[in-house]
C-alpha atoms as a PDB file:
ATOM      1  CA  MET A   1     104.957 104.910  78.709  1.00  0.00           C
ATOM      2  CA  SER A   2     102.682 101.887  79.080  1.00  0.00           C
ATOM      3  CA  ALA A   3      99.641 101.605  80.833  1.00  0.00           C
ATOM      4  CA  PRO A   4      99.637 101.761  84.111  1.00  0.00           C
ATOM      5  CA  ASP A   5      98.310  97.646  85.942  1.00  0.00           C
ATOM      6  CA  PHE A   6      95.068  97.287  87.112  1.00  0.00           C
ATOM      7  CA  PRO A   7      94.863  94.969  90.216  1.00  0.00           C
ATOM      8  CA  ARG A   8      92.133  92.083  90.173  1.00  0.00           C
ATOM      9  CA  PHE A   9      90.268  92.542  93.385  1.00  0.00           C
ATOM     10  CA  GLU A  10      87.324  90.492  94.649  1.00  0.00           C
ATOM     11  CA  PHE A  11      84.794  91.849  97.584  1.00  0.00           C
ATOM     12  CA  LYS A  12      81.956  90.721  99.837  1.00  0.00           C
ATOM     13  CA  TYR A  13      78.773  92.717 100.278  1.00  0.00           C
ATOM     14  CA  THR A  14      78.880  94.759 103.363  1.00  0.00           C
ATOM     15  CA  VAL A  15      75.774  93.803 105.943  1.00  0.00           C
ATOM     16  CA  GLN A  16      73.487  96.958 106.136  1.00  0.00           C
ATOM     17  CA  ASN A  17      70.365  96.415 107.976  1.00  0.00           C
ATOM     18  CA  VAL A  18      69.535  93.353 109.966  1.00  0.00           C
ATOM     19  CA  LEU A  19      65.847  93.807 110.187  1.00  0.00           C
ATOM     20  CA  GLU A  20      62.761  92.186 111.897  1.00  0.00           C
ATOM     21  CA  ASP A  21      60.403  90.388 109.457  1.00  0.00           C
ATOM     22  CA  GLY A  22      56.827  90.538 110.834  1.00  0.00           C
ATOM     23  CA  SER A  23      55.625  88.839 108.452  1.00  0.00           C
ATOM     24  CA  THR A  24      57.959  85.978 108.896  1.00  0.00           C
ATOM     25  CA  GLY A  25      59.134  86.793 112.790  1.00  0.00           C
ATOM     26  CA  GLY A  26      62.584  86.342 111.310  1.00  0.00           C
ATOM     27  CA  TYR A  27      65.195  88.230 110.591  1.00  0.00           C
ATOM     28  CA  ARG A  28      65.322  90.138 107.179  1.00  0.00           C
ATOM     29  CA  ILE A  29      69.322  90.914 106.315  1.00  0.00           C
ATOM     30  CA  ASP A  30      70.614  93.547 103.650  1.00  0.00           C
ATOM     31  CA  TYR A  31      73.782  92.774 102.415  1.00  0.00           C
ATOM     32  CA  ILE A  32      75.339  95.796  99.658  1.00  0.00           C
ATOM     33  CA  PRO A  33      78.055  95.900  97.449  1.00  0.00           C
ATOM     34  CA  PHE A  34      80.051  98.342  99.068  1.00  0.00           C
ATOM     35  CA  LEU A  35      83.206  98.867  97.707  1.00  0.00           C
ATOM     36  CA  PRO A  36      86.074 100.042  99.385  1.00  0.00           C
ATOM     37  CA  CYS A  37      88.066 102.979  98.123  1.00  0.00           C
ATOM     38  CA  ARG A  38      90.091 106.265  99.150  1.00  0.00           C
ATOM     39  CA  LEU A  39      89.061 109.752  97.679  1.00  0.00           C
ATOM     40  CA  SER A  40      91.523 112.354  97.224  1.00  0.00           C
ATOM     41  CA  CYS A  41      91.648 116.266  95.833  1.00  0.00           C
ATOM     42  CA  GLY A  42      95.208 117.190  94.808  1.00  0.00           C
ATOM     43  CA  THR A  43      97.624 117.359  98.028  1.00  0.00           C
ATOM     44  CA  SER A  44      94.079 116.654 100.051  1.00  0.00           C
ATOM     45  CA  GLU A  45      94.596 113.593 102.516  1.00  0.00           C
ATOM     46  CA  ARG A  46      93.507 110.450 101.103  1.00  0.00           C
ATOM     47  CA  VAL A  47      90.223 109.621 103.002  1.00  0.00           C
ATOM     48  CA  ALA A  48      89.358 105.726 102.786  1.00  0.00           C
ATOM     49  CA  VAL A  49      85.409 104.748 102.405  1.00  0.00           C
ATOM     50  CA  ASP A  50      83.145 102.239 101.281  1.00  0.00           C
ATOM     51  CA  ALA A  51      80.872 103.070  97.900  1.00  0.00           C
ATOM     52  CA  LEU A  52      78.223 101.643  96.411  1.00  0.00           C
ATOM     53  CA  LEU A  53      78.647  99.872  93.581  1.00  0.00           C
ATOM     54  CA  ASP A  54      76.067 100.851  91.517  1.00  0.00           C
ATOM     55  CA  SER A  55      75.549  99.855  87.685  1.00  0.00           C
ATOM     56  CA  GLY A  56      72.886 101.669  87.001  1.00  0.00           C
ATOM     57  CA  ALA A  57      74.423 105.357  88.010  1.00  0.00           C
ATOM     58  CA  ASP A  58      76.621 106.883  85.298  1.00  0.00           C
ATOM     59  CA  GLY A  59      78.853 108.350  88.040  1.00  0.00           C
ATOM     60  CA  VAL A  60      80.076 109.209  91.526  1.00  0.00           C
ATOM     61  CA  VAL A  61      78.082 111.204  93.948  1.00  0.00           C
ATOM     62  CA  LEU A  62      79.415 112.117  97.091  1.00  0.00           C
ATOM     63  CA  PRO A  63      77.050 113.930 100.103  1.00  0.00           C
ATOM     64  CA  LEU A  64      78.135 117.151 100.760  1.00  0.00           C
ATOM     65  CA  THR A  65      79.827 116.462 104.140  1.00  0.00           C
ATOM     66  CA  LEU A  66      82.596 114.264 102.895  1.00  0.00           C
ATOM     67  CA  ALA A  67      82.624 116.658 100.081  1.00  0.00           C
ATOM     68  CA  LYS A  68      83.612 119.682 102.066  1.00  0.00           C
ATOM     69  CA  HIS A  69      85.778 117.630 104.323  1.00  0.00           C
ATOM     70  CA  LEU A  70      87.872 116.453 101.171  1.00  0.00           C
ATOM     71  CA  GLY A  71      87.648 120.576 100.789  1.00  0.00           C
ATOM     72  CA  LEU A  72      86.329 120.139  97.195  1.00  0.00           C
ATOM     73  CA  VAL A  73      86.051 123.157  95.221  1.00  0.00           C
ATOM     74  CA  LEU A  74      82.274 123.417  94.714  1.00  0.00           C
ATOM     75  CA  GLN A  75      80.592 124.562  91.320  1.00  0.00           C
ATOM     76  CA  GLU A  76      76.858 125.027  90.645  1.00  0.00           C
ATOM     77  CA  GLY A  77      75.763 121.556  88.862  1.00  0.00           C
ATOM     78  CA  PRO A  78      72.820 120.115  86.637  1.00  0.00           C
ATOM     79  CA  ALA A  79      70.220 118.591  88.706  1.00  0.00           C
ATOM     80  CA  MET A  80      70.740 115.033  89.092  1.00  0.00           C
ATOM     81  CA  MET A  81      68.096 112.841  88.077  1.00  0.00           C
ATOM     82  CA  VAL A  82      67.620 110.302  91.224  1.00  0.00           C
ATOM     83  CA  ALA A  83      65.925 106.609  91.250  1.00  0.00           C
ATOM     84  CA  GLY A  84      62.023 107.835  90.544  1.00  0.00           C
ATOM     85  CA  GLY A  85      63.290 110.266  88.252  1.00  0.00           C
ATOM     86  CA  GLU A  86      63.375 113.457  90.833  1.00  0.00           C
ATOM     87  CA  PRO A  87      65.577 115.928  89.695  1.00  0.00           C
ATOM     88  CA  VAL A  88      68.038 116.912  93.160  1.00  0.00           C
ATOM     89  CA  GLU A  89      69.766 120.410  92.876  1.00  0.00           C
ATOM     90  CA  SER A  90      73.364 119.655  92.976  1.00  0.00           C
ATOM     91  CA  TYR A  91      77.304 120.919  93.029  1.00  0.00           C
ATOM     92  CA  ARG A  92      79.964 119.534  90.325  1.00  0.00           C
ATOM     93  CA  SER A  93      84.207 119.255  91.431  1.00  0.00           C
ATOM     94  CA  ARG A  94      86.847 116.502  90.794  1.00  0.00           C
ATOM     95  CA  VAL A  95      88.209 113.750  93.084  1.00  0.00           C
ATOM     96  CA  ASP A  96      90.734 111.244  92.693  1.00  0.00           C
ATOM     97  CA  ILE A  97      89.836 107.977  93.155  1.00  0.00           C
ATOM     98  CA  GLU A  98      91.843 104.660  94.262  1.00  0.00           C
ATOM     99  CA  LEU A  99      89.821 101.316  94.520  1.00  0.00           C
ATOM    100  CA  GLY A 100      91.337  98.648  97.110  1.00  0.00           C
ATOM    101  CA  ARG A 101      91.605  98.669 101.017  1.00  0.00           C
ATOM    102  CA  GLY A 102      95.019  96.722 103.221  1.00  0.00           C
ATOM    103  CA  GLY A 103      97.842  99.012 101.100  1.00  0.00           C
ATOM    104  CA  ARG A 104      96.378  97.213  98.062  1.00  0.00           C
ATOM    105  CA  TYR A 105      94.950  99.425  96.003  1.00  0.00           C
ATOM    106  CA  SER A 106      94.503 100.263  92.106  1.00  0.00           C
ATOM    107  CA  PRO A 107      96.697 103.134  90.394  1.00  0.00           C
ATOM    108  CA  PRO A 108      94.332 106.550  90.864  1.00  0.00           C
ATOM    109  CA  PHE A 109      91.379 107.720  88.521  1.00  0.00           C
ATOM    110  CA  LYS A 110      92.431 110.773  88.568  1.00  0.00           C
ATOM    111  CA  ASP A 111      90.278 113.870  87.881  1.00  0.00           C
ATOM    112  CA  VAL A 112      87.083 112.176  88.613  1.00  0.00           C
ATOM    113  CA  THR A 113      83.771 114.514  87.832  1.00  0.00           C
ATOM    114  CA  VAL A 114      81.655 113.809  90.764  1.00  0.00           C
ATOM    115  CA  SER A 115      77.989 115.024  91.935  1.00  0.00           C
ATOM    116  CA  ILE A 116      77.269 116.311  95.056  1.00  0.00           C
ATOM    117  CA  PRO A 117      73.741 116.755  95.937  1.00  0.00           C
ATOM    118  CA  LYS A 118      72.831 119.835  97.741  1.00  0.00           C
ATOM    119  CA  HIS A 119      70.429 118.013  99.990  1.00  0.00           C
ATOM    120  CA  GLY A 120      69.730 114.826 101.481  1.00  0.00           C
ATOM    121  CA  ASN A 121      73.067 111.770 102.573  1.00  0.00           C
ATOM    122  CA  PRO A 122      72.788 109.312 100.132  1.00  0.00           C
ATOM    123  CA  PRO A 123      75.833 107.349 101.410  1.00  0.00           C
ATOM    124  CA  PRO A 124      79.273 107.614  98.309  1.00  0.00           C
ATOM    125  CA  LEU A 125      78.248 106.278  95.209  1.00  0.00           C
ATOM    126  CA  ILE A 126      80.257 104.639  92.275  1.00  0.00           C
ATOM    127  CA  GLY A 127      78.566 104.171  89.079  1.00  0.00           C
ATOM    128  CA  ARG A 128      79.714 103.126  85.582  1.00  0.00           C
ATOM    129  CA  SER A 129      82.233 105.668  85.099  1.00  0.00           C
ATOM    130  CA  PRO A 130      84.998 105.335  86.166  1.00  0.00           C
ATOM    131  CA  VAL A 131      84.876 102.026  87.368  1.00  0.00           C
ATOM    132  CA  PHE A 132      83.145  99.612  84.656  1.00  0.00           C
ATOM    133  CA  GLU A 133      85.651 101.658  81.897  1.00  0.00           C
ATOM    134  CA  ARG A 134      88.640  99.575  82.875  1.00  0.00           C
ATOM    135  CA  TYR A 135      87.217  96.566  85.007  1.00  0.00           C
ATOM    136  CA  ILE A 136      85.336  93.893  83.844  1.00  0.00           C
ATOM    137  CA  VAL A 137      82.288  93.156  87.018  1.00  0.00           C
ATOM    138  CA  THR A 138      80.903  90.681  88.063  1.00  0.00           C
ATOM    139  CA  ILE A 139      78.512  90.401  90.785  1.00  0.00           C
ATOM    140  CA  ILE A 140      77.474  86.906  92.423  1.00  0.00           C
ATOM    141  CA  GLU A 141      74.258  87.474  93.833  1.00  0.00           C
ATOM    142  CA  PRO A 142      73.291  84.297  95.237  1.00  0.00           C
ATOM    143  CA  GLU A 143      76.828  84.603  96.980  1.00  0.00           C
ATOM    144  CA  LYS A 144      76.980  87.962  98.098  1.00  0.00           C
ATOM    145  CA  ARG A 145      80.426  89.401  96.488  1.00  0.00           C
ATOM    146  CA  PHE A 146      81.615  90.609  93.789  1.00  0.00           C
ATOM    147  CA  ILE A 147      84.666  91.009  90.717  1.00  0.00           C
ATOM    148  CA  LEU A 148      86.798  93.457  89.058  1.00  0.00           C
ATOM    149  CA  GLU A 149      88.814  91.780  86.747  1.00  0.00           C
ATOM    150  CA  PRO A 150      91.104  94.864  84.719  1.00  0.00           C
ATOM    151  CA  TYR A 151      89.531  94.602  81.394  1.00  0.00           C
ATOM    152  CA  ARG A 152      92.523  93.765  78.777  1.00  0.00           C
ATOM    153  CA  ALA A 153      91.402  94.939  74.849  1.00  0.00           C
ATOM    154  CA  LYS A 154      92.885  92.014  72.939  1.00  0.00           C
END
């Protein structure tokens, strides 16, 4: 049986914040690399979300409200280490992830382990696993866009 084909994707960054810059009198716009995807758990409905693509994160993080909406089975997990080195209590669960939007999706990443902080409301976040295991990720910061090119071993 051959491996499923993973499509090539290209996405523009999303405008996250437009803030007044008191020092210049102008505005500062924050652009964020959000990766459109669909999440599901077993037979649950697929939920479309935009997840922060974070090359500095090891795995996937979901907010507790989204995990409950998906009906994920929550198990005690190890403390997560977040930016700044602070440990955060968390749950663990598993979810299926499809990348894409508008009817064009990757084959699902099945049974991906996710961390769910017990407190706070982080955005959905996708780190190196599983995306960087299947894709060559190119971030073109000056153009505020990123490309996911399927990795094909030579």
